[in-house]
Amino acid sequence: MFTAASRYHGIDVARYEPPGGGDPIPYVRRRLLPDPGSLTPLGLHTVTEADRLDRIAAAAFGDPELFWRIADANPALDPEELTARPGRRLLIALSAAAAGSVRGF
């Protein structure tokens, strides 16, 4: 259902059966953030004024749609917080499953 680059790849799809009948409604089960200790660090990125997560992901992973990997490694309630303060250092890391699947940073 989801590509290998998706944050939802490998997450089970379940079906909600409405009471009283009706068409079942498929949904993706909850995705939990990885344990920070299980991530493979690739490097650090110091945020500049013009940075955005998609641009950092493009430089680090070769794909701007992998921005969620940076968000996973640097928990924040709002991902925009990660680039809001120039000078902040962001961890660039991969899950154990993805460690060999992208180019280095």
PDB file of N, CA and C in Angstrom:
ATOM      1  N   MET A   1       0.817  -1.197   0.000  1.00  0.00           N
ATOM      2  CA  MET A   1       0.000   0.000   0.000  1.00  0.00           C
ATOM      3  C   MET A   1       0.862   1.264   0.000  1.00  0.00           C
ATOM      4  N   PHE A   2       1.953   1.254   0.779  1.00  0.00           N
ATOM      5  CA  PHE A   2       2.850   2.404   0.842  1.00  0.00           C
ATOM      6  C   PHE A   2       4.215   2.013   0.286  1.00  0.00           C
ATOM      7  N   THR A   3       4.895   2.979  -0.338  1.00  0.00           N
ATOM      8  CA  THR A   3       6.232   2.711  -0.878  1.00  0.00           C
ATOM      9  C   THR A   3       7.214   2.477   0.261  1.00  0.00           C
ATOM     10  N   ALA A   4       8.362   1.908  -0.069  1.00  0.00           N
ATOM     11  CA  ALA A   4       9.386   1.627   0.938  1.00  0.00           C
ATOM     12  C   ALA A   4       9.909   2.899   1.592  1.00  0.00           C
ATOM     13  N   ALA A   5       9.800   4.048   0.931  1.00  0.00           N
ATOM     14  CA  ALA A   5      10.267   5.312   1.500  1.00  0.00           C
ATOM     15  C   ALA A   5       9.249   5.963   2.432  1.00  0.00           C
ATOM     16  N   SER A   6       8.047   5.441   2.471  1.00  0.00           N
ATOM     17  CA  SER A   6       6.998   6.042   3.293  1.00  0.00           C
ATOM     18  C   SER A   6       7.188   5.734   4.774  1.00  0.00           C
ATOM     19  N   ARG A   7       6.858   6.687   5.620  1.00  0.00           N
ATOM     20  CA  ARG A   7       6.918   6.450   7.061  1.00  0.00           C
ATOM     21  C   ARG A   7       5.898   5.395   7.491  1.00  0.00           C
ATOM     22  N   TYR A   8       4.928   5.107   6.634  1.00  0.00           N
ATOM     23  CA  TYR A   8       3.893   4.122   6.957  1.00  0.00           C
ATOM     24  C   TYR A   8       4.160   2.744   6.355  1.00  0.00           C
ATOM     25  N   HIS A   9       5.280   2.589   5.638  1.00  0.00           N
ATOM     26  CA  HIS A   9       5.626   1.297   5.049  1.00  0.00           C
ATOM     27  C   HIS A   9       5.737   0.255   6.157  1.00  0.00           C
ATOM     28  N   GLY A  10       5.067  -0.863   5.980  1.00  0.00           N
ATOM     29  CA  GLY A  10       5.137  -1.937   6.958  1.00  0.00           C
ATOM     30  C   GLY A  10       4.125  -1.833   8.094  1.00  0.00           C
ATOM     31  N   ILE A  11       3.368  -0.734   8.136  1.00  0.00           N
ATOM     32  CA  ILE A  11       2.331  -0.595   9.160  1.00  0.00           C
ATOM     33  C   ILE A  11       1.083  -1.323   8.659  1.00  0.00           C
ATOM     34  N   ASP A  12       0.475  -2.087   9.538  1.00  0.00           N
ATOM     35  CA  ASP A  12      -0.708  -2.852   9.156  1.00  0.00           C
ATOM     36  C   ASP A  12      -1.888  -1.954   8.818  1.00  0.00           C
ATOM     37  N   VAL A  13      -2.678  -2.416   7.877  1.00  0.00           N
ATOM     38  CA  VAL A  13      -3.952  -1.775   7.543  1.00  0.00           C
ATOM     39  C   VAL A  13      -5.041  -2.618   8.192  1.00  0.00           C
ATOM     40  N   ALA A  14      -5.899  -1.960   8.941  1.00  0.00           N
ATOM     41  CA  ALA A  14      -7.011  -2.643   9.606  1.00  0.00           C
ATOM     42  C   ALA A  14      -8.315  -2.180   8.976  1.00  0.00           C
ATOM     43  N   ARG A  15      -9.409  -2.803   9.378  1.00  0.00           N
ATOM     44  CA  ARG A  15     -10.729  -2.441   8.847  1.00  0.00           C
ATOM     45  C   ARG A  15     -11.672  -2.201  10.014  1.00  0.00           C
ATOM     46  N   TYR A  16     -12.368  -1.099   9.949  1.00  0.00           N
ATOM     47  CA  TYR A  16     -13.402  -0.797  10.921  1.00  0.00           C
ATOM     48  C   TYR A  16     -14.731  -1.284  10.352  1.00  0.00           C
ATOM     49  N   GLU A  17     -15.403  -2.090  11.111  1.00  0.00           N
ATOM     50  CA  GLU A  17     -16.707  -2.603  10.705  1.00  0.00           C
ATOM     51  C   GLU A  17     -17.775  -1.771  11.414  1.00  0.00           C
ATOM     52  N   PRO A  18     -18.479  -0.908  10.693  1.00  0.00           N
ATOM     53  CA  PRO A  18     -19.489  -0.066  11.343  1.00  0.00           C
ATOM     54  C   PRO A  18     -20.587  -0.923  11.992  1.00  0.00           C
ATOM     55  N   PRO A  19     -21.010  -0.525  13.196  1.00  0.00           N
ATOM     56  CA  PRO A  19     -22.095  -1.278  13.828  1.00  0.00           C
ATOM     57  C   PRO A  19     -23.357  -1.192  12.974  1.00  0.00           C
ATOM     58  N   GLY A  20     -24.066  -2.278  12.890  1.00  0.00           N
ATOM     59  CA  GLY A  20     -25.292  -2.279  12.101  1.00  0.00           C
ATOM     60  C   GLY A  20     -25.069  -2.478  10.618  1.00  0.00           C
ATOM     61  N   GLY A  21     -23.856  -2.762  10.219  1.00  0.00           N
ATOM     62  CA  GLY A  21     -23.586  -3.016   8.800  1.00  0.00           C
ATOM     63  C   GLY A  21     -22.963  -1.818   8.107  1.00  0.00           C
ATOM     64  N   GLY A  22     -22.958  -1.855   6.818  1.00  0.00           N
ATOM     65  CA  GLY A  22     -22.308  -0.809   6.026  1.00  0.00           C
ATOM     66  C   GLY A  22     -20.949  -1.282   5.552  1.00  0.00           C
ATOM     67  N   ASP A  23     -20.380  -0.509   4.666  1.00  0.00           N
ATOM     68  CA  ASP A  23     -19.083  -0.869   4.103  1.00  0.00           C
ATOM     69  C   ASP A  23     -17.987  -0.741   5.160  1.00  0.00           C
ATOM     70  N   PRO A  24     -17.075  -1.728   5.222  1.00  0.00           N
ATOM     71  CA  PRO A  24     -15.941  -1.596   6.137  1.00  0.00           C
ATOM     72  C   PRO A  24     -15.058  -0.422   5.706  1.00  0.00           C
ATOM     73  N   ILE A  25     -14.426   0.193   6.678  1.00  0.00           N
ATOM     74  CA  ILE A  25     -13.574   1.354   6.414  1.00  0.00           C
ATOM     75  C   ILE A  25     -12.131   0.971   6.740  1.00  0.00           C
ATOM     76  N   PRO A  26     -11.259   0.931   5.721  1.00  0.00           N
ATOM     77  CA  PRO A  26      -9.857   0.611   6.003  1.00  0.00           C
ATOM     78  C   PRO A  26      -9.145   1.812   6.631  1.00  0.00           C
ATOM     79  N   TYR A  27      -8.187   1.514   7.509  1.00  0.00           N
ATOM     80  CA  TYR A  27      -7.371   2.571   8.101  1.00  0.00           C
ATOM     81  C   TYR A  27      -6.000   2.004   8.444  1.00  0.00           C
ATOM     82  N   VAL A  28      -5.030   2.892   8.525  1.00  0.00           N
ATOM     83  CA  VAL A  28      -3.670   2.497   8.867  1.00  0.00           C
ATOM     84  C   VAL A  28      -3.542   2.549  10.384  1.00  0.00           C
ATOM     85  N   ARG A  29      -3.022   1.478  10.942  1.00  0.00           N
ATOM     86  CA  ARG A  29      -2.838   1.436  12.398  1.00  0.00           C
ATOM     87  C   ARG A  29      -1.852   2.522  12.833  1.00  0.00           C
ATOM     88  N   ARG A  30      -1.881   2.806  14.105  1.00  0.00           N
ATOM     89  CA  ARG A  30      -1.039   3.857  14.678  1.00  0.00           C
ATOM     90  C   ARG A  30       0.440   3.562  14.443  1.00  0.00           C
ATOM     91  N   ARG A  31       1.167   4.606  14.095  1.00  0.00           N
ATOM     92  CA  ARG A  31       2.616   4.506  13.901  1.00  0.00           C
ATOM     93  C   ARG A  31       3.298   5.091  15.131  1.00  0.00           C
ATOM     94  N   LEU A  32       4.128   4.298  15.776  1.00  0.00           N
ATOM     95  CA  LEU A  32       4.866   4.768  16.941  1.00  0.00           C
ATOM     96  C   LEU A  32       6.252   5.235  16.509  1.00  0.00           C
ATOM     97  N   LEU A  33       6.751   6.258  17.160  1.00  0.00           N
ATOM     98  CA  LEU A  33       8.099   6.744  16.850  1.00  0.00           C
ATOM     99  C   LEU A  33       9.123   5.712  17.290  1.00  0.00           C
ATOM    100  N   PRO A  34      10.225   5.623  16.559  1.00  0.00           N
ATOM    101  CA  PRO A  34      11.255   4.661  16.948  1.00  0.00           C
ATOM    102  C   PRO A  34      11.943   5.092  18.243  1.00  0.00           C
ATOM    103  N   ASP A  35      12.480   4.114  18.952  1.00  0.00           N
ATOM    104  CA  ASP A  35      13.281   4.386  20.141  1.00  0.00           C
ATOM    105  C   ASP A  35      14.540   5.124  19.682  1.00  0.00           C
ATOM    106  N   PRO A  36      14.830   6.311  20.235  1.00  0.00           N
ATOM    107  CA  PRO A  36      16.016   7.054  19.794  1.00  0.00           C
ATOM    108  C   PRO A  36      17.309   6.243  19.888  1.00  0.00           C
ATOM    109  N   GLY A  37      17.391   5.331  20.853  1.00  0.00           N
ATOM    110  CA  GLY A  37      18.586   4.512  21.006  1.00  0.00           C
ATOM    111  C   GLY A  37      18.768   3.488  19.902  1.00  0.00           C
ATOM    112  N   SER A  38      17.708   3.227  19.135  1.00  0.00           N
ATOM    113  CA  SER A  38      17.793   2.244  18.055  1.00  0.00           C
ATOM    114  C   SER A  38      18.180   2.865  16.717  1.00  0.00           C
ATOM    115  N   LEU A  39      18.319   4.192  16.673  1.00  0.00           N
ATOM    116  CA  LEU A  39      18.641   4.874  15.421  1.00  0.00           C
ATOM    117  C   LEU A  39      20.145   4.825  15.140  1.00  0.00           C
ATOM    118  N   THR A  40      20.482   4.799  13.868  1.00  0.00           N
ATOM    119  CA  THR A  40      21.882   4.826  13.445  1.00  0.00           C
ATOM    120  C   THR A  40      22.238   6.246  13.044  1.00  0.00           C
ATOM    121  N   PRO A  41      23.075   6.948  13.849  1.00  0.00           N
ATOM    122  CA  PRO A  41      23.432   8.327  13.509  1.00  0.00           C
ATOM    123  C   PRO A  41      24.265   8.388  12.237  1.00  0.00           C
ATOM    124  N   LEU A  42      23.935   9.373  11.392  1.00  0.00           N
ATOM    125  CA  LEU A  42      24.717   9.619  10.182  1.00  0.00           C
ATOM    126  C   LEU A  42      25.545  10.891  10.311  1.00  0.00           C
ATOM    127  N   GLY A  43      25.053  11.829  11.106  1.00  0.00           N
ATOM    128  CA  GLY A  43      25.744  13.093  11.276  1.00  0.00           C
ATOM    129  C   GLY A  43      24.836  14.119  11.913  1.00  0.00           C
ATOM    130  N   LEU A  44      25.322  15.349  11.956  1.00  0.00           N
ATOM    131  CA  LEU A  44      24.570  16.468  12.513  1.00  0.00           C
ATOM    132  C   LEU A  44      24.437  17.540  11.447  1.00  0.00           C
ATOM    133  N   HIS A  45      23.364  18.285  11.530  1.00  0.00           N
ATOM    134  CA  HIS A  45      23.150  19.421  10.632  1.00  0.00           C
ATOM    135  C   HIS A  45      22.858  20.639  11.487  1.00  0.00           C
ATOM    136  N   THR A  46      23.585  21.729  11.241  1.00  0.00           N
ATOM    137  CA  THR A  46      23.335  22.981  11.944  1.00  0.00           C
ATOM    138  C   THR A  46      22.366  23.810  11.113  1.00  0.00           C
ATOM    139  N   VAL A  47      21.236  24.145  11.713  1.00  0.00           N
ATOM    140  CA  VAL A  47      20.159  24.855  11.018  1.00  0.00           C
ATOM    141  C   VAL A  47      20.607  26.273  10.664  1.00  0.00           C
ATOM    142  N   THR A  48      20.297  26.682   9.422  1.00  0.00           N
ATOM    143  CA  THR A  48      20.530  28.065   8.988  1.00  0.00           C
ATOM    144  C   THR A  48      19.183  28.743   8.780  1.00  0.00           C
ATOM    145  N   GLU A  49      19.216  30.030   8.536  1.00  0.00           N
ATOM    146  CA  GLU A  49      17.998  30.828   8.365  1.00  0.00           C
ATOM    147  C   GLU A  49      17.075  30.287   7.273  1.00  0.00           C
ATOM    148  N   ALA A  50      17.642  29.795   6.182  1.00  0.00           N
ATOM    149  CA  ALA A  50      16.834  29.375   5.029  1.00  0.00           C
ATOM    150  C   ALA A  50      16.466  27.889   5.046  1.00  0.00           C
ATOM    151  N   ASP A  51      16.851  27.163   6.076  1.00  0.00           N
ATOM    152  CA  ASP A  51      16.623  25.719   6.091  1.00  0.00           C
ATOM    153  C   ASP A  51      15.156  25.337   6.226  1.00  0.00           C
ATOM    154  N   ARG A  52      14.829  24.233   5.557  1.00  0.00           N
ATOM    155  CA  ARG A  52      13.532  23.557   5.689  1.00  0.00           C
ATOM    156  C   ARG A  52      13.842  22.069   5.772  1.00  0.00           C
ATOM    157  N   LEU A  53      12.974  21.320   6.446  1.00  0.00           N
ATOM    158  CA  LEU A  53      13.233  19.888   6.605  1.00  0.00           C
ATOM    159  C   LEU A  53      13.355  19.164   5.270  1.00  0.00           C
ATOM    160  N   ASP A  54      12.537  19.549   4.296  1.00  0.00           N
ATOM    161  CA  ASP A  54      12.620  18.855   3.009  1.00  0.00           C
ATOM    162  C   ASP A  54      13.965  19.091   2.325  1.00  0.00           C
ATOM    163  N   ARG A  55      14.508  20.284   2.464  1.00  0.00           N
ATOM    164  CA  ARG A  55      15.818  20.575   1.854  1.00  0.00           C
ATOM    165  C   ARG A  55      16.941  19.841   2.575  1.00  0.00           C
ATOM    166  N   ILE A  56      16.838  19.778   3.897  1.00  0.00           N
ATOM    167  CA  ILE A  56      17.849  19.042   4.665  1.00  0.00           C
ATOM    168  C   ILE A  56      17.789  17.563   4.297  1.00  0.00           C
ATOM    169  N   ALA A  57      16.572  17.013   4.176  1.00  0.00           N
ATOM    170  CA  ALA A  57      16.408  15.601   3.798  1.00  0.00           C
ATOM    171  C   ALA A  57      16.950  15.334   2.399  1.00  0.00           C
ATOM    172  N   ALA A  58      16.742  16.263   1.483  1.00  0.00           N
ATOM    173  CA  ALA A  58      17.262  16.088   0.123  1.00  0.00           C
ATOM    174  C   ALA A  58      18.785  16.009   0.145  1.00  0.00           C
ATOM    175  N   ALA A  59      19.417  16.857   0.949  1.00  0.00           N
ATOM    176  CA  ALA A  59      20.878  16.828   1.044  1.00  0.00           C
ATOM    177  C   ALA A  59      21.370  15.570   1.761  1.00  0.00           C
ATOM    178  N   ALA A  60      20.678  15.160   2.798  1.00  0.00           N
ATOM    179  CA  ALA A  60      21.129  14.030   3.615  1.00  0.00           C
ATOM    180  C   ALA A  60      20.804  12.680   2.991  1.00  0.00           C
ATOM    181  N   PHE A  61      19.605  12.550   2.432  1.00  0.00           N
ATOM    182  CA  PHE A  61      19.123  11.256   1.970  1.00  0.00           C
ATOM    183  C   PHE A  61      18.903  11.165   0.463  1.00  0.00           C
ATOM    184  N   GLY A  62      19.010  12.307  -0.233  1.00  0.00           N
ATOM    185  CA  GLY A  62      18.761  12.309  -1.664  1.00  0.00           C
ATOM    186  C   GLY A  62      17.289  12.322  -2.026  1.00  0.00           C
ATOM    187  N   ASP A  63      16.426  12.574  -1.038  1.00  0.00           N
ATOM    188  CA  ASP A  63      14.979  12.556  -1.270  1.00  0.00           C
ATOM    189  C   ASP A  63      14.302  13.494  -0.269  1.00  0.00           C
ATOM    190  N   PRO A  64      13.703  14.586  -0.739  1.00  0.00           N
ATOM    191  CA  PRO A  64      13.071  15.528   0.194  1.00  0.00           C
ATOM    192  C   PRO A  64      11.878  14.945   0.942  1.00  0.00           C
ATOM    193  N   GLU A  65      11.278  13.885   0.390  1.00  0.00           N
ATOM    194  CA  GLU A  65      10.120  13.289   1.051  1.00  0.00           C
ATOM    195  C   GLU A  65      10.499  12.452   2.269  1.00  0.00           C
ATOM    196  N   LEU A  66      11.783  12.304   2.525  1.00  0.00           N
ATOM    197  CA  LEU A  66      12.241  11.572   3.709  1.00  0.00           C
ATOM    198  C   LEU A  66      12.452  12.505   4.908  1.00  0.00           C
ATOM    199  N   PHE A  67      11.866  13.700   4.848  1.00  0.00           N
ATOM    200  CA  PHE A  67      11.979  14.671   5.947  1.00  0.00           C
ATOM    201  C   PHE A  67      11.555  14.063   7.283  1.00  0.00           C
ATOM    202  N   TRP A  68      10.622  13.117   7.236  1.00  0.00           N
ATOM    203  CA  TRP A  68      10.098  12.505   8.454  1.00  0.00           C
ATOM    204  C   TRP A  68      11.170  11.754   9.223  1.00  0.00           C
ATOM    205  N   ARG A  69      12.233  11.306   8.547  1.00  0.00           N
ATOM    206  CA  ARG A  69      13.323  10.632   9.264  1.00  0.00           C
ATOM    207  C   ARG A  69      14.044  11.612  10.184  1.00  0.00           C
ATOM    208  N   ILE A  70      14.166  12.853   9.747  1.00  0.00           N
ATOM    209  CA  ILE A  70      14.784  13.880  10.585  1.00  0.00           C
ATOM    210  C   ILE A  70      13.859  14.206  11.756  1.00  0.00           C
ATOM    211  N   ALA A  71      12.565  14.300  11.479  1.00  0.00           N
ATOM    212  CA  ALA A  71      11.601  14.565  12.544  1.00  0.00           C
ATOM    213  C   ALA A  71      11.602  13.433  13.567  1.00  0.00           C
ATOM    214  N   ASP A  72      11.703  12.191  13.120  1.00  0.00           N
ATOM    215  CA  ASP A  72      11.753  11.058  14.053  1.00  0.00           C
ATOM    216  C   ASP A  72      12.974  11.126  14.961  1.00  0.00           C
ATOM    217  N   ALA A  73      14.104  11.549  14.422  1.00  0.00           N
ATOM    218  CA  ALA A  73      15.351  11.586  15.188  1.00  0.00           C
ATOM    219  C   ALA A  73      15.435  12.786  16.124  1.00  0.00           C
ATOM    220  N   ASN A  74      14.602  13.791  15.897  1.00  0.00           N
ATOM    221  CA  ASN A  74      14.619  15.032  16.678  1.00  0.00           C
ATOM    222  C   ASN A  74      13.198  15.374  17.100  1.00  0.00           C
ATOM    223  N   PRO A  75      12.656  14.628  18.065  1.00  0.00           N
ATOM    224  CA  PRO A  75      11.242  14.790  18.421  1.00  0.00           C
ATOM    225  C   PRO A  75      10.865  16.235  18.760  1.00  0.00           C
ATOM    226  N   ALA A  76       9.739  16.641  18.229  1.00  0.00           N
ATOM    227  CA  ALA A  76       9.149  17.956  18.495  1.00  0.00           C
ATOM    228  C   ALA A  76       7.651  17.822  18.269  1.00  0.00           C
ATOM    229  N   LEU A  77       6.866  18.615  18.965  1.00  0.00           N
ATOM    230  CA  LEU A  77       5.421  18.572  18.757  1.00  0.00           C
ATOM    231  C   LEU A  77       5.052  19.059  17.369  1.00  0.00           C
ATOM    232  N   ASP A  78       5.786  20.036  16.874  1.00  0.00           N
ATOM    233  CA  ASP A  78       5.544  20.600  15.549  1.00  0.00           C
ATOM    234  C   ASP A  78       6.856  20.522  14.776  1.00  0.00           C
ATOM    235  N   PRO A  79       6.920  19.791  13.663  1.00  0.00           N
ATOM    236  CA  PRO A  79       8.173  19.662  12.921  1.00  0.00           C
ATOM    237  C   PRO A  79       8.789  20.994  12.506  1.00  0.00           C
ATOM    238  N   GLU A  80       7.966  22.032  12.352  1.00  0.00           N
ATOM    239  CA  GLU A  80       8.522  23.345  11.983  1.00  0.00           C
ATOM    240  C   GLU A  80       9.414  23.907  13.088  1.00  0.00           C
ATOM    241  N   GLU A  81       9.239  23.440  14.323  1.00  0.00           N
ATOM    242  CA  GLU A  81      10.105  23.870  15.428  1.00  0.00           C
ATOM    243  C   GLU A  81      11.562  23.499  15.155  1.00  0.00           C
ATOM    244  N   LEU A  82      11.767  22.420  14.402  1.00  0.00           N
ATOM    245  CA  LEU A  82      13.120  21.920  14.185  1.00  0.00           C
ATOM    246  C   LEU A  82      13.991  22.884  13.400  1.00  0.00           C
ATOM    247  N   THR A  83      13.393  23.691  12.550  1.00  0.00           N
ATOM    248  CA  THR A  83      14.171  24.647  11.751  1.00  0.00           C
ATOM    249  C   THR A  83      13.873  26.098  12.119  1.00  0.00           C
ATOM    250  N   ALA A  84      13.149  26.319  13.191  1.00  0.00           N
ATOM    251  CA  ALA A  84      12.756  27.681  13.577  1.00  0.00           C
ATOM    252  C   ALA A  84      13.903  28.486  14.178  1.00  0.00           C
ATOM    253  N   ARG A  85      14.893  27.817  14.732  1.00  0.00           N
ATOM    254  CA  ARG A  85      15.980  28.526  15.416  1.00  0.00           C
ATOM    255  C   ARG A  85      17.322  28.241  14.738  1.00  0.00           C
ATOM    256  N   PRO A  86      17.841  29.213  13.967  1.00  0.00           N
ATOM    257  CA  PRO A  86      19.162  29.024  13.366  1.00  0.00           C
ATOM    258  C   PRO A  86      20.196  28.705  14.453  1.00  0.00           C
ATOM    259  N   GLY A  87      21.085  27.791  14.128  1.00  0.00           N
ATOM    260  CA  GLY A  87      22.105  27.362  15.068  1.00  0.00           C
ATOM    261  C   GLY A  87      21.768  26.055  15.757  1.00  0.00           C
ATOM    262  N   ARG A  88      20.490  25.662  15.729  1.00  0.00           N
ATOM    263  CA  ARG A  88      20.112  24.392  16.334  1.00  0.00           C
ATOM    264  C   ARG A  88      20.789  23.260  15.572  1.00  0.00           C
ATOM    265  N   ARG A  89      21.216  22.254  16.281  1.00  0.00           N
ATOM    266  CA  ARG A  89      21.852  21.097  15.651  1.00  0.00           C
ATOM    267  C   ARG A  89      20.844  19.956  15.601  1.00  0.00           C
ATOM    268  N   LEU A  90      20.645  19.437  14.404  1.00  0.00           N
ATOM    269  CA  LEU A  90      19.711  18.338  14.194  1.00  0.00           C
ATOM    270  C   LEU A  90      20.476  17.046  13.963  1.00  0.00           C
ATOM    271  N   LEU A  91      20.022  15.998  14.606  1.00  0.00           N
ATOM    272  CA  LEU A  91      20.586  14.683  14.372  1.00  0.00           C
ATOM    273  C   LEU A  91      20.024  14.129  13.068  1.00  0.00           C
ATOM    274  N   ILE A  92      20.894  13.661  12.211  1.00  0.00           N
ATOM    275  CA  ILE A  92      20.497  12.977  10.983  1.00  0.00           C
ATOM    276  C   ILE A  92      20.752  11.503  11.255  1.00  0.00           C
ATOM    277  N   ALA A  93      19.671  10.710  11.256  1.00  0.00           N
ATOM    278  CA  ALA A  93      19.805   9.302  11.642  1.00  0.00           C
ATOM    279  C   ALA A  93      18.817   8.441  10.873  1.00  0.00           C
ATOM    280  N   LEU A  94      19.062   7.154  10.918  1.00  0.00           N
ATOM    281  CA  LEU A  94      18.208   6.166  10.260  1.00  0.00           C
ATOM    282  C   LEU A  94      17.766   5.114  11.257  1.00  0.00           C
ATOM    283  N   SER A  95      16.618   4.525  11.000  1.00  0.00           N
ATOM    284  CA  SER A  95      16.209   3.360  11.768  1.00  0.00           C
ATOM    285  C   SER A  95      17.113   2.208  11.374  1.00  0.00           C
ATOM    286  N   ALA A  96      17.143   1.180  12.183  1.00  0.00           N
ATOM    287  CA  ALA A  96      17.976   0.017  11.875  1.00  0.00           C
ATOM    288  C   ALA A  96      17.582  -0.593  10.533  1.00  0.00           C
ATOM    289  N   ALA A  97      16.289  -0.596  10.229  1.00  0.00           N
ATOM    290  CA  ALA A  97      15.798  -1.183   8.969  1.00  0.00           C
ATOM    291  C   ALA A  97      16.263  -0.384   7.760  1.00  0.00           C
ATOM    292  N   ALA A  98      16.444   0.925   7.922  1.00  0.00           N
ATOM    293  CA  ALA A  98      16.791   1.780   6.785  1.00  0.00           C
ATOM    294  C   ALA A  98      18.281   2.078   6.699  1.00  0.00           C
ATOM    295  N   ALA A  99      19.066   1.628   7.653  1.00  0.00           N
ATOM    296  CA  ALA A  99      20.465   2.034   7.737  1.00  0.00           C
ATOM    297  C   ALA A  99      21.263   1.792   6.473  1.00  0.00           C
ATOM    298  N   GLY A 100      20.991   0.745   5.724  1.00  0.00           N
ATOM    299  CA  GLY A 100      21.755   0.484   4.521  1.00  0.00           C
ATOM    300  C   GLY A 100      21.077   0.921   3.238  1.00  0.00           C
ATOM    301  N   SER A 101      19.935   1.637   3.354  1.00  0.00           N
ATOM    302  CA  SER A 101      19.133   1.896   2.156  1.00  0.00           C
ATOM    303  C   SER A 101      19.323   3.270   1.530  1.00  0.00           C
ATOM    304  N   VAL A 102      20.101   4.167   2.132  1.00  0.00           N
ATOM    305  CA  VAL A 102      20.288   5.493   1.555  1.00  0.00           C
ATOM    306  C   VAL A 102      21.752   5.866   1.579  1.00  0.00           C
ATOM    307  N   ARG A 103      22.082   6.880   0.804  1.00  0.00           N
ATOM    308  CA  ARG A 103      23.471   7.330   0.782  1.00  0.00           C
ATOM    309  C   ARG A 103      23.798   8.089   2.065  1.00  0.00           C
ATOM    310  N   GLY A 104      25.046   8.182   2.411  1.00  0.00           N
ATOM    311  CA  GLY A 104      25.467   8.859   3.638  1.00  0.00           C
ATOM    312  C   GLY A 104      25.325  10.353   3.565  1.00  0.00           C
ATOM    313  N   PHE A 105      25.356  10.989   4.698  1.00  0.00           N
ATOM    314  CA  PHE A 105      25.219  12.436   4.812  1.00  0.00           C
ATOM    315  C   PHE A 105      26.559  13.082   4.863  1.00  0.00           C
TER     316      PHE A 105
END
